């Protein structure tokens, strides 16, 4: 039986003590992110990635790595340095909850 990547990631993170985020709280916290990533998770700058629809474990991992310095970016390293585990969980829950539609070209 093959596991879907999102399910596999969720199973792997289940044992790490990662807390479940609150998407409603994340939406409020995302106001600080909207200049680059947009409140809807669609990037406003060419160098900033789209966050909407990303899987929650990936967002938690990326924000944690920016916060602890494992992953570096001039803007994100500063933006993430004061985030709490709860902030990261909430932001990840919010951005991952945004539904996106992928439409192939005609």
PDB file of N, CA and C in Angstrom:
ATOM      1  N   UNK A   1       0.847  -1.180   0.000  1.00  0.00           N
ATOM      2  CA  UNK A   1       0.000   0.000   0.000  1.00  0.00           C
ATOM      3  C   UNK A   1       0.885   1.232   0.000  1.00  0.00           C
ATOM      4  N   UNK A   2       0.653   2.124  -0.928  1.00  0.00           N
ATOM      5  CA  UNK A   2       1.413   3.363  -1.006  1.00  0.00           C
ATOM      6  C   UNK A   2       0.719   4.444  -0.201  1.00  0.00           C
ATOM      7  N   UNK A   3       1.508   5.189   0.590  1.00  0.00           N
ATOM      8  CA  UNK A   3       0.948   6.290   1.362  1.00  0.00           C
ATOM      9  C   UNK A   3       1.084   7.580   0.568  1.00  0.00           C
ATOM     10  N   UNK A   4       0.088   8.397   0.612  1.00  0.00           N
ATOM     11  CA  UNK A   4       0.159   9.699  -0.028  1.00  0.00           C
ATOM     12  C   UNK A   4       1.171  10.549   0.714  1.00  0.00           C
ATOM     13  N   UNK A   5       1.893  11.443   0.016  1.00  0.00           N
ATOM     14  CA  UNK A   5       2.922  12.262   0.670  1.00  0.00           C
ATOM     15  C   UNK A   5       2.406  13.067   1.860  1.00  0.00           C
ATOM     16  N   UNK A   6       1.217  13.656   1.758  1.00  0.00           N
ATOM     17  CA  UNK A   6       0.690  14.454   2.873  1.00  0.00           C
ATOM     18  C   UNK A   6       0.410  13.575   4.085  1.00  0.00           C
ATOM     19  N   UNK A   7      -0.127  12.375   3.848  1.00  0.00           N
ATOM     20  CA  UNK A   7      -0.405  11.452   4.943  1.00  0.00           C
ATOM     21  C   UNK A   7       0.896  10.990   5.585  1.00  0.00           C
ATOM     22  N   UNK A   8       1.873  10.672   4.764  1.00  0.00           N
ATOM     23  CA  UNK A   8       3.165  10.252   5.273  1.00  0.00           C
ATOM     24  C   UNK A   8       3.797  11.352   6.123  1.00  0.00           C
ATOM     25  N   UNK A   9       3.758  12.588   5.642  1.00  0.00           N
ATOM     26  CA  UNK A   9       4.320  13.711   6.397  1.00  0.00           C
ATOM     27  C   UNK A   9       3.593  13.885   7.725  1.00  0.00           C
ATOM     28  N   UNK A  10       2.277  13.759   7.706  1.00  0.00           N
ATOM     29  CA  UNK A  10       1.498  13.887   8.939  1.00  0.00           C
ATOM     30  C   UNK A  10       1.868  12.792   9.938  1.00  0.00           C
ATOM     31  N   UNK A  11       2.040  11.580   9.450  1.00  0.00           N
ATOM     32  CA  UNK A  11       2.419  10.480  10.331  1.00  0.00           C
ATOM     33  C   UNK A  11       3.809  10.697  10.925  1.00  0.00           C
ATOM     34  N   UNK A  12       4.715  11.198  10.099  1.00  0.00           N
ATOM     35  CA  UNK A  12       6.078  11.449  10.588  1.00  0.00           C
ATOM     36  C   UNK A  12       6.102  12.550  11.635  1.00  0.00           C
ATOM     37  N   UNK A  13       5.295  13.582  11.436  1.00  0.00           N
ATOM     38  CA  UNK A  13       5.276  14.688  12.385  1.00  0.00           C
ATOM     39  C   UNK A  13       4.477  14.370  13.637  1.00  0.00           C
ATOM     40  N   UNK A  14       3.631  13.388  13.599  1.00  0.00           N
ATOM     41  CA  UNK A  14       2.788  13.072  14.749  1.00  0.00           C
ATOM     42  C   UNK A  14       3.620  12.783  15.993  1.00  0.00           C
ATOM     43  N   UNK A  15       4.781  12.228  15.827  1.00  0.00           N
ATOM     44  CA  UNK A  15       5.621  11.910  16.966  1.00  0.00           C
ATOM     45  C   UNK A  15       6.601  12.992  17.361  1.00  0.00           C
ATOM     46  N   UNK A  16       6.550  14.166  16.715  1.00  0.00           N
ATOM     47  CA  UNK A  16       7.538  15.202  17.011  1.00  0.00           C
ATOM     48  C   UNK A  16       7.063  16.199  18.045  1.00  0.00           C
ATOM     49  N   UNK A  17       5.816  16.080  18.506  1.00  0.00           N
ATOM     50  CA  UNK A  17       5.312  17.036  19.478  1.00  0.00           C
ATOM     51  C   UNK A  17       4.842  18.323  18.827  1.00  0.00           C
ATOM     52  N   UNK A  18       4.740  18.354  17.502  1.00  0.00           N
ATOM     53  CA  UNK A  18       4.267  19.542  16.823  1.00  0.00           C
ATOM     54  C   UNK A  18       2.811  19.765  17.199  1.00  0.00           C
ATOM     55  N   UNK A  19       2.487  20.989  17.598  1.00  0.00           N
ATOM     56  CA  UNK A  19       1.116  21.267  17.992  1.00  0.00           C
ATOM     57  C   UNK A  19       0.263  21.591  16.782  1.00  0.00           C
ATOM     58  N   UNK A  20      -1.015  21.310  16.916  1.00  0.00           N
ATOM     59  CA  UNK A  20      -1.944  21.630  15.835  1.00  0.00           C
ATOM     60  C   UNK A  20      -2.201  23.124  15.848  1.00  0.00           C
ATOM     61  N   UNK A  21      -2.196  23.708  14.670  1.00  0.00           N
ATOM     62  CA  UNK A  21      -2.402  25.145  14.569  1.00  0.00           C
ATOM     63  C   UNK A  21      -3.866  25.516  14.448  1.00  0.00           C
ATOM     64  N   UNK A  22      -4.132  26.791  14.685  1.00  0.00           N
ATOM     65  CA  UNK A  22      -5.468  27.364  14.595  1.00  0.00           C
ATOM     66  C   UNK A  22      -5.481  28.276  13.365  1.00  0.00           C
ATOM     67  N   UNK A  23      -6.188  27.856  12.323  1.00  0.00           N
ATOM     68  CA  UNK A  23      -6.196  28.613  11.071  1.00  0.00           C
ATOM     69  C   UNK A  23      -6.768  30.017  11.249  1.00  0.00           C
ATOM     70  N   UNK A  24      -7.782  30.180  12.100  1.00  0.00           N
ATOM     71  CA  UNK A  24      -8.371  31.513  12.323  1.00  0.00           C
ATOM     72  C   UNK A  24      -7.352  32.447  12.978  1.00  0.00           C
ATOM     73  N   UNK A  25      -6.617  31.926  13.945  1.00  0.00           N
ATOM     74  CA  UNK A  25      -5.566  32.734  14.582  1.00  0.00           C
ATOM     75  C   UNK A  25      -4.451  33.018  13.578  1.00  0.00           C
ATOM     76  N   UNK A  26      -4.143  32.034  12.730  1.00  0.00           N
ATOM     77  CA  UNK A  26      -3.115  32.213  11.712  1.00  0.00           C
ATOM     78  C   UNK A  26      -3.470  33.293  10.718  1.00  0.00           C
ATOM     79  N   UNK A  27      -4.747  33.405  10.369  1.00  0.00           N
ATOM     80  CA  UNK A  27      -5.182  34.454   9.440  1.00  0.00           C
ATOM     81  C   UNK A  27      -4.880  35.828  10.027  1.00  0.00           C
ATOM     82  N   UNK A  28      -5.122  35.997  11.314  1.00  0.00           N
ATOM     83  CA  UNK A  28      -4.836  37.283  11.966  1.00  0.00           C
ATOM     84  C   UNK A  28      -3.335  37.555  11.980  1.00  0.00           C
ATOM     85  N   UNK A  29      -2.553  36.529  12.237  1.00  0.00           N
ATOM     86  CA  UNK A  29      -1.097  36.684  12.295  1.00  0.00           C
ATOM     87  C   UNK A  29      -0.499  36.897  10.904  1.00  0.00           C
ATOM     88  N   UNK A  30      -1.187  36.415   9.866  1.00  0.00           N
ATOM     89  CA  UNK A  30      -0.688  36.512   8.495  1.00  0.00           C
ATOM     90  C   UNK A  30      -0.697  37.943   7.966  1.00  0.00           C
ATOM     91  N   UNK A  31      -1.348  38.851   8.676  1.00  0.00           N
ATOM     92  CA  UNK A  31      -1.338  40.253   8.259  1.00  0.00           C
ATOM     93  C   UNK A  31       0.104  40.745   8.137  1.00  0.00           C
ATOM     94  N   UNK A  32       0.979  40.271   9.012  1.00  0.00           N
ATOM     95  CA  UNK A  32       2.388  40.665   8.960  1.00  0.00           C
ATOM     96  C   UNK A  32       3.110  40.078   7.750  1.00  0.00           C
ATOM     97  N   UNK A  33       2.546  39.052   7.148  1.00  0.00           N
ATOM     98  CA  UNK A  33       3.168  38.353   6.014  1.00  0.00           C
ATOM     99  C   UNK A  33       2.657  38.840   4.664  1.00  0.00           C
ATOM    100  N   UNK A  34       1.568  39.591   4.689  1.00  0.00           N
ATOM    101  CA  UNK A  34       0.861  39.883   3.451  1.00  0.00           C
ATOM    102  C   UNK A  34       1.614  40.783   2.486  1.00  0.00           C
ATOM    103  N   UNK A  35       2.544  41.596   2.937  1.00  0.00           N
ATOM    104  CA  UNK A  35       3.274  42.468   2.015  1.00  0.00           C
ATOM    105  C   UNK A  35       4.022  41.653   0.963  1.00  0.00           C
ATOM    106  N   UNK A  36       4.539  40.510   1.368  1.00  0.00           N
ATOM    107  CA  UNK A  36       5.294  39.663   0.431  1.00  0.00           C
ATOM    108  C   UNK A  36       4.476  38.489  -0.082  1.00  0.00           C
ATOM    109  N   UNK A  37       3.780  37.802   0.822  1.00  0.00           N
ATOM    110  CA  UNK A  37       3.097  36.553   0.476  1.00  0.00           C
ATOM    111  C   UNK A  37       1.612  36.721   0.220  1.00  0.00           C
ATOM    112  N   UNK A  38       1.080  37.898   0.509  1.00  0.00           N
ATOM    113  CA  UNK A  38      -0.344  38.141   0.327  1.00  0.00           C
ATOM    114  C   UNK A  38      -1.161  37.462   1.405  1.00  0.00           C
ATOM    115  N   UNK A  39      -2.243  38.100   1.827  1.00  0.00           N
ATOM    116  CA  UNK A  39      -3.099  37.502   2.850  1.00  0.00           C
ATOM    117  C   UNK A  39      -3.726  36.213   2.332  1.00  0.00           C
ATOM    118  N   UNK A  40      -3.871  36.135   1.003  1.00  0.00           N
ATOM    119  CA  UNK A  40      -4.431  34.932   0.387  1.00  0.00           C
ATOM    120  C   UNK A  40      -3.363  33.900   0.053  1.00  0.00           C
ATOM    121  N   UNK A  41      -2.100  34.184   0.413  1.00  0.00           N
ATOM    122  CA  UNK A  41      -1.021  33.236   0.176  1.00  0.00           C
ATOM    123  C   UNK A  41      -0.455  33.267  -1.225  1.00  0.00           C
ATOM    124  N   UNK A  42      -0.920  34.212  -2.037  1.00  0.00           N
ATOM    125  CA  UNK A  42      -0.396  34.363  -3.391  1.00  0.00           C
ATOM    126  C   UNK A  42       0.622  35.489  -3.367  1.00  0.00           C
ATOM    127  N   UNK A  43       1.842  35.159  -3.726  1.00  0.00           N
ATOM    128  CA  UNK A  43       2.979  36.069  -3.628  1.00  0.00           C
ATOM    129  C   UNK A  43       2.748  37.391  -4.334  1.00  0.00           C
ATOM    130  N   UNK A  44       3.196  38.467  -3.690  1.00  0.00           N
ATOM    131  CA  UNK A  44       3.118  39.801  -4.277  1.00  0.00           C
ATOM    132  C   UNK A  44       4.473  40.246  -4.828  1.00  0.00           C
ATOM    133  N   UNK A  45       5.506  39.498  -4.512  1.00  0.00           N
ATOM    134  CA  UNK A  45       6.860  39.808  -4.963  1.00  0.00           C
ATOM    135  C   UNK A  45       7.426  38.626  -5.742  1.00  0.00           C
ATOM    136  N   UNK A  46       8.229  38.888  -6.757  1.00  0.00           N
ATOM    137  CA  UNK A  46       8.746  37.780  -7.573  1.00  0.00           C
ATOM    138  C   UNK A  46       9.651  36.803  -6.813  1.00  0.00           C
ATOM    139  N   UNK A  47      10.299  37.253  -5.755  1.00  0.00           N
ATOM    140  CA  UNK A  47      11.205  36.375  -5.007  1.00  0.00           C
ATOM    141  C   UNK A  47      10.543  35.678  -3.816  1.00  0.00           C
ATOM    142  N   UNK A  48       9.286  35.995  -3.543  1.00  0.00           N
ATOM    143  CA  UNK A  48       8.580  35.383  -2.414  1.00  0.00           C
ATOM    144  C   UNK A  48       7.694  34.253  -2.929  1.00  0.00           C
ATOM    145  N   UNK A  49       7.745  33.097  -2.290  1.00  0.00           N
ATOM    146  CA  UNK A  49       6.931  31.974  -2.771  1.00  0.00           C
ATOM    147  C   UNK A  49       5.454  32.116  -2.420  1.00  0.00           C
ATOM    148  N   UNK A  50       4.623  31.457  -3.196  1.00  0.00           N
ATOM    149  CA  UNK A  50       3.205  31.330  -2.857  1.00  0.00           C
ATOM    150  C   UNK A  50       3.101  30.351  -1.691  1.00  0.00           C
ATOM    151  N   UNK A  51       2.276  30.678  -0.717  1.00  0.00           N
ATOM    152  CA  UNK A  51       2.118  29.818   0.454  1.00  0.00           C
ATOM    153  C   UNK A  51       0.790  29.078   0.467  1.00  0.00           C
ATOM    154  N   UNK A  52      -0.204  29.597  -0.226  1.00  0.00           N
ATOM    155  CA  UNK A  52      -1.520  28.946  -0.207  1.00  0.00           C
ATOM    156  C   UNK A  52      -1.423  27.535  -0.774  1.00  0.00           C
ATOM    157  N   UNK A  53      -2.050  26.619  -0.065  1.00  0.00           N
ATOM    158  CA  UNK A  53      -2.085  25.240  -0.525  1.00  0.00           C
ATOM    159  C   UNK A  53      -0.845  24.417  -0.205  1.00  0.00           C
ATOM    160  N   UNK A  54       0.183  25.027   0.356  1.00  0.00           N
ATOM    161  CA  UNK A  54       1.354  24.242   0.765  1.00  0.00           C
ATOM    162  C   UNK A  54       0.930  23.328   1.915  1.00  0.00           C
ATOM    163  N   UNK A  55       1.561  22.197   2.047  1.00  0.00           N
ATOM    164  CA  UNK A  55       1.194  21.296   3.136  1.00  0.00           C
ATOM    165  C   UNK A  55       1.701  21.845   4.467  1.00  0.00           C
ATOM    166  N   UNK A  56       0.893  21.661   5.475  1.00  0.00           N
ATOM    167  CA  UNK A  56       1.167  22.221   6.799  1.00  0.00           C
ATOM    168  C   UNK A  56       2.528  21.798   7.365  1.00  0.00           C
ATOM    169  N   UNK A  57       2.892  20.510   7.318  1.00  0.00           N
ATOM    170  CA  UNK A  57       4.193  20.124   7.882  1.00  0.00           C
ATOM    171  C   UNK A  57       5.373  20.839   7.202  1.00  0.00           C
ATOM    172  N   UNK A  58       5.285  21.061   5.902  1.00  0.00           N
ATOM    173  CA  UNK A  58       6.352  21.775   5.195  1.00  0.00           C
ATOM    174  C   UNK A  58       6.471  23.210   5.706  1.00  0.00           C
ATOM    175  N   UNK A  59       5.330  23.892   5.864  1.00  0.00           N
ATOM    176  CA  UNK A  59       5.355  25.272   6.342  1.00  0.00           C
ATOM    177  C   UNK A  59       5.911  25.363   7.765  1.00  0.00           C
ATOM    178  N   UNK A  60       5.518  24.426   8.614  1.00  0.00           N
ATOM    179  CA  UNK A  60       6.050  24.397   9.993  1.00  0.00           C
ATOM    180  C   UNK A  60       7.562  24.211   9.953  1.00  0.00           C
ATOM    181  N   UNK A  61       8.016  23.286   9.142  1.00  0.00           N
ATOM    182  CA  UNK A  61       9.453  22.998   9.041  1.00  0.00           C
ATOM    183  C   UNK A  61      10.216  24.216   8.515  1.00  0.00           C
ATOM    184  N   UNK A  62       9.718  24.818   7.446  1.00  0.00           N
ATOM    185  CA  UNK A  62      10.407  25.966   6.841  1.00  0.00           C
ATOM    186  C   UNK A  62      10.475  27.141   7.806  1.00  0.00           C
ATOM    187  N   UNK A  63       9.366  27.479   8.454  1.00  0.00           N
ATOM    188  CA  UNK A  63       9.379  28.602   9.398  1.00  0.00           C
ATOM    189  C   UNK A  63      10.294  28.323  10.583  1.00  0.00           C
ATOM    190  N   UNK A  64      10.279  27.100  11.075  1.00  0.00           N
ATOM    191  CA  UNK A  64      11.178  26.733  12.172  1.00  0.00           C
ATOM    192  C   UNK A  64      12.641  26.860  11.775  1.00  0.00           C
ATOM    193  N   UNK A  65      12.945  26.473  10.559  1.00  0.00           N
ATOM    194  CA  UNK A  65      14.331  26.569  10.080  1.00  0.00           C
ATOM    195  C   UNK A  65      14.758  28.018   9.867  1.00  0.00           C
ATOM    196  N   UNK A  66      13.849  28.877   9.420  1.00  0.00           N
ATOM    197  CA  UNK A  66      14.177  30.299   9.316  1.00  0.00           C
ATOM    198  C   UNK A  66      14.402  30.875  10.708  1.00  0.00           C
ATOM    199  N   UNK A  67      13.576  30.446  11.666  1.00  0.00           N
ATOM    200  CA  UNK A  67      13.691  30.966  13.029  1.00  0.00           C
ATOM    201  C   UNK A  67      15.008  30.550  13.681  1.00  0.00           C
ATOM    202  N   UNK A  68      15.405  29.286  13.510  1.00  0.00           N
ATOM    203  CA  UNK A  68      16.622  28.830  14.197  1.00  0.00           C
ATOM    204  C   UNK A  68      17.907  29.043  13.387  1.00  0.00           C
ATOM    205  N   UNK A  69      17.772  29.575  12.161  1.00  0.00           N
ATOM    206  CA  UNK A  69      18.957  29.889  11.367  1.00  0.00           C
ATOM    207  C   UNK A  69      19.453  28.768  10.467  1.00  0.00           C
ATOM    208  N   UNK A  70      18.791  27.616  10.509  1.00  0.00           N
ATOM    209  CA  UNK A  70      19.170  26.500   9.640  1.00  0.00           C
ATOM    210  C   UNK A  70      18.966  26.877   8.181  1.00  0.00           C
ATOM    211  N   UNK A  71      17.893  27.588   7.928  1.00  0.00           N
ATOM    212  CA  UNK A  71      17.566  28.085   6.589  1.00  0.00           C
ATOM    213  C   UNK A  71      17.684  29.602   6.638  1.00  0.00           C
ATOM    214  N   UNK A  72      18.316  30.181   5.630  1.00  0.00           N
ATOM    215  CA  UNK A  72      18.569  31.619   5.679  1.00  0.00           C
ATOM    216  C   UNK A  72      17.977  32.356   4.484  1.00  0.00           C
ATOM    217  N   UNK A  73      17.420  33.501   4.800  1.00  0.00           N
ATOM    218  CA  UNK A  73      16.919  34.443   3.812  1.00  0.00           C
ATOM    219  C   UNK A  73      16.912  35.790   4.526  1.00  0.00           C
ATOM    220  N   UNK A  74      17.390  36.810   3.860  1.00  0.00           N
ATOM    221  CA  UNK A  74      17.540  38.119   4.500  1.00  0.00           C
ATOM    222  C   UNK A  74      16.251  38.592   5.168  1.00  0.00           C
ATOM    223  N   UNK A  75      15.130  38.469   4.489  1.00  0.00           N
ATOM    224  CA  UNK A  75      13.862  38.940   5.038  1.00  0.00           C
ATOM    225  C   UNK A  75      13.265  37.924   6.008  1.00  0.00           C
ATOM    226  N   UNK A  76      13.206  36.659   5.608  1.00  0.00           N
ATOM    227  CA  UNK A  76      12.544  35.651   6.438  1.00  0.00           C
ATOM    228  C   UNK A  76      13.295  35.364   7.737  1.00  0.00           C
ATOM    229  N   UNK A  77      14.594  35.456   7.720  1.00  0.00           N
ATOM    230  CA  UNK A  77      15.357  35.213   8.948  1.00  0.00           C
ATOM    231  C   UNK A  77      14.984  36.238  10.013  1.00  0.00           C
ATOM    232  N   UNK A  78      14.756  37.473   9.596  1.00  0.00           N
ATOM    233  CA  UNK A  78      14.346  38.527  10.535  1.00  0.00           C
ATOM    234  C   UNK A  78      12.876  38.340  10.918  1.00  0.00           C
ATOM    235  N   UNK A  79      12.030  38.063   9.924  1.00  0.00           N
ATOM    236  CA  UNK A  79      10.593  37.934  10.175  1.00  0.00           C
ATOM    237  C   UNK A  79      10.270  36.763  11.097  1.00  0.00           C
ATOM    238  N   UNK A  80      11.019  35.681  11.007  1.00  0.00           N
ATOM    239  CA  UNK A  80      10.697  34.472  11.765  1.00  0.00           C
ATOM    240  C   UNK A  80      11.374  34.389  13.126  1.00  0.00           C
ATOM    241  N   UNK A  81      12.363  35.223  13.376  1.00  0.00           N
ATOM    242  CA  UNK A  81      13.166  35.051  14.593  1.00  0.00           C
ATOM    243  C   UNK A  81      12.379  35.139  15.897  1.00  0.00           C
ATOM    244  N   UNK A  82      11.293  35.894  15.920  1.00  0.00           N
ATOM    245  CA  UNK A  82      10.519  36.037  17.148  1.00  0.00           C
ATOM    246  C   UNK A  82       9.227  35.221  17.161  1.00  0.00           C
ATOM    247  N   UNK A  83       9.027  34.376  16.147  1.00  0.00           N
ATOM    248  CA  UNK A  83       7.821  33.545  16.119  1.00  0.00           C
ATOM    249  C   UNK A  83       7.896  32.455  17.184  1.00  0.00           C
ATOM    250  N   UNK A  84       6.793  32.238  17.864  1.00  0.00           N
ATOM    251  CA  UNK A  84       6.699  31.141  18.827  1.00  0.00           C
ATOM    252  C   UNK A  84       6.280  29.878  18.077  1.00  0.00           C
ATOM    253  N   UNK A  85       6.365  28.742  18.732  1.00  0.00           N
ATOM    254  CA  UNK A  85       5.881  27.501  18.129  1.00  0.00           C
ATOM    255  C   UNK A  85       4.400  27.623  17.778  1.00  0.00           C
ATOM    256  N   UNK A  86       3.636  28.294  18.638  1.00  0.00           N
ATOM    257  CA  UNK A  86       2.211  28.494  18.398  1.00  0.00           C
ATOM    258  C   UNK A  86       1.982  29.377  17.171  1.00  0.00           C
ATOM    259  N   UNK A  87       2.771  30.453  17.033  1.00  0.00           N
ATOM    260  CA  UNK A  87       2.665  31.319  15.853  1.00  0.00           C
ATOM    261  C   UNK A  87       2.911  30.520  14.582  1.00  0.00           C
ATOM    262  N   UNK A  88       3.959  29.728  14.590  1.00  0.00           N
ATOM    263  CA  UNK A  88       4.318  28.920  13.416  1.00  0.00           C
ATOM    264  C   UNK A  88       3.204  27.928  13.090  1.00  0.00           C
ATOM    265  N   UNK A  89       2.684  27.256  14.104  1.00  0.00           N
ATOM    266  CA  UNK A  89       1.610  26.286  13.885  1.00  0.00           C
ATOM    267  C   UNK A  89       0.362  26.969  13.317  1.00  0.00           C
ATOM    268  N   UNK A  90       0.027  28.147  13.853  1.00  0.00           N
ATOM    269  CA  UNK A  90      -1.155  28.873  13.390  1.00  0.00           C
ATOM    270  C   UNK A  90      -0.989  29.352  11.949  1.00  0.00           C
ATOM    271  N   UNK A  91       0.167  29.916  11.627  1.00  0.00           N
ATOM    272  CA  UNK A  91       0.415  30.385  10.264  1.00  0.00           C
ATOM    273  C   UNK A  91       0.381  29.222   9.277  1.00  0.00           C
ATOM    274  N   UNK A  92       0.994  28.118   9.653  1.00  0.00           N
ATOM    275  CA  UNK A  92       1.004  26.936   8.782  1.00  0.00           C
ATOM    276  C   UNK A  92      -0.413  26.403   8.586  1.00  0.00           C
ATOM    277  N   UNK A  93      -1.199  26.381   9.651  1.00  0.00           N
ATOM    278  CA  UNK A  93      -2.585  25.913   9.550  1.00  0.00           C
ATOM    279  C   UNK A  93      -3.388  26.817   8.626  1.00  0.00           C
ATOM    280  N   UNK A  94      -3.183  28.123   8.742  1.00  0.00           N
ATOM    281  CA  UNK A  94      -3.927  29.063   7.897  1.00  0.00           C
ATOM    282  C   UNK A  94      -3.557  28.907   6.425  1.00  0.00           C
ATOM    283  N   UNK A  95      -2.279  29.042   6.110  1.00  0.00           N
ATOM    284  CA  UNK A  95      -1.883  29.006   4.703  1.00  0.00           C
ATOM    285  C   UNK A  95      -2.168  27.647   4.059  1.00  0.00           C
ATOM    286  N   UNK A  96      -2.034  26.573   4.814  1.00  0.00           N
ATOM    287  CA  UNK A  96      -2.315  25.252   4.237  1.00  0.00           C
ATOM    288  C   UNK A  96      -3.807  25.022   4.041  1.00  0.00           C
ATOM    289  N   UNK A  97      -4.644  25.776   4.744  1.00  0.00           N
ATOM    290  CA  UNK A  97      -6.094  25.608   4.614  1.00  0.00           C
ATOM    291  C   UNK A  97      -6.676  26.342   3.410  1.00  0.00           C
ATOM    292  N   UNK A  98      -5.900  27.208   2.788  1.00  0.00           N
ATOM    293  CA  UNK A  98      -6.393  27.951   1.629  1.00  0.00           C
ATOM    294  C   UNK A  98      -6.470  26.996   0.442  1.00  0.00           C
ATOM    295  N   UNK A  99      -7.640  26.884  -0.124  1.00  0.00           N
ATOM    296  CA  UNK A  99      -7.860  25.995  -1.261  1.00  0.00           C
ATOM    297  C   UNK A  99      -7.368  26.659  -2.538  1.00  0.00           C
ATOM    298  N   UNK A 100      -6.670  25.904  -3.344  1.00  0.00           N
ATOM    299  CA  UNK A 100      -6.228  26.415  -4.629  1.00  0.00           C
ATOM    300  C   UNK A 100      -6.737  25.476  -5.723  1.00  0.00           C
ATOM    301  N   UNK A 101      -6.972  26.047  -6.870  1.00  0.00           N
ATOM    302  CA  UNK A 101      -7.395  25.252  -8.032  1.00  0.00           C
ATOM    303  C   UNK A 101      -6.280  25.290  -9.044  1.00  0.00           C
ATOM    304  N   UNK A 102      -5.935  24.136  -9.552  1.00  0.00           N
ATOM    305  CA  UNK A 102      -4.936  24.032 -10.604  1.00  0.00           C
ATOM    306  C   UNK A 102      -5.695  23.713 -11.880  1.00  0.00           C
ATOM    307  N   UNK A 103      -5.558  24.593 -12.841  1.00  0.00           N
ATOM    308  CA  UNK A 103      -6.260  24.411 -14.103  1.00  0.00           C
ATOM    309  C   UNK A 103      -5.240  24.276 -15.211  1.00  0.00           C
ATOM    310  N   UNK A 104      -5.207  23.115 -15.846  1.00  0.00           N
ATOM    311  CA  UNK A 104      -4.243  22.940 -16.934  1.00  0.00           C
ATOM    312  C   UNK A 104      -4.611  23.845 -18.116  1.00  0.00           C
ATOM    313  N   UNK A 105      -3.624  24.239 -18.882  1.00  0.00           N
ATOM    314  CA  UNK A 105      -3.932  25.090 -20.040  1.00  0.00           C
ATOM    315  C   UNK A 105      -4.810  24.333 -21.043  1.00  0.00           C
ATOM    316  N   UNK A 106      -5.611  25.078 -21.745  1.00  0.00           N
ATOM    317  CA  UNK A 106      -6.507  24.462 -22.736  1.00  0.00           C
ATOM    318  C   UNK A 106      -5.757  24.034 -23.975  1.00  0.00           C
TER     319      UNK A 106
END
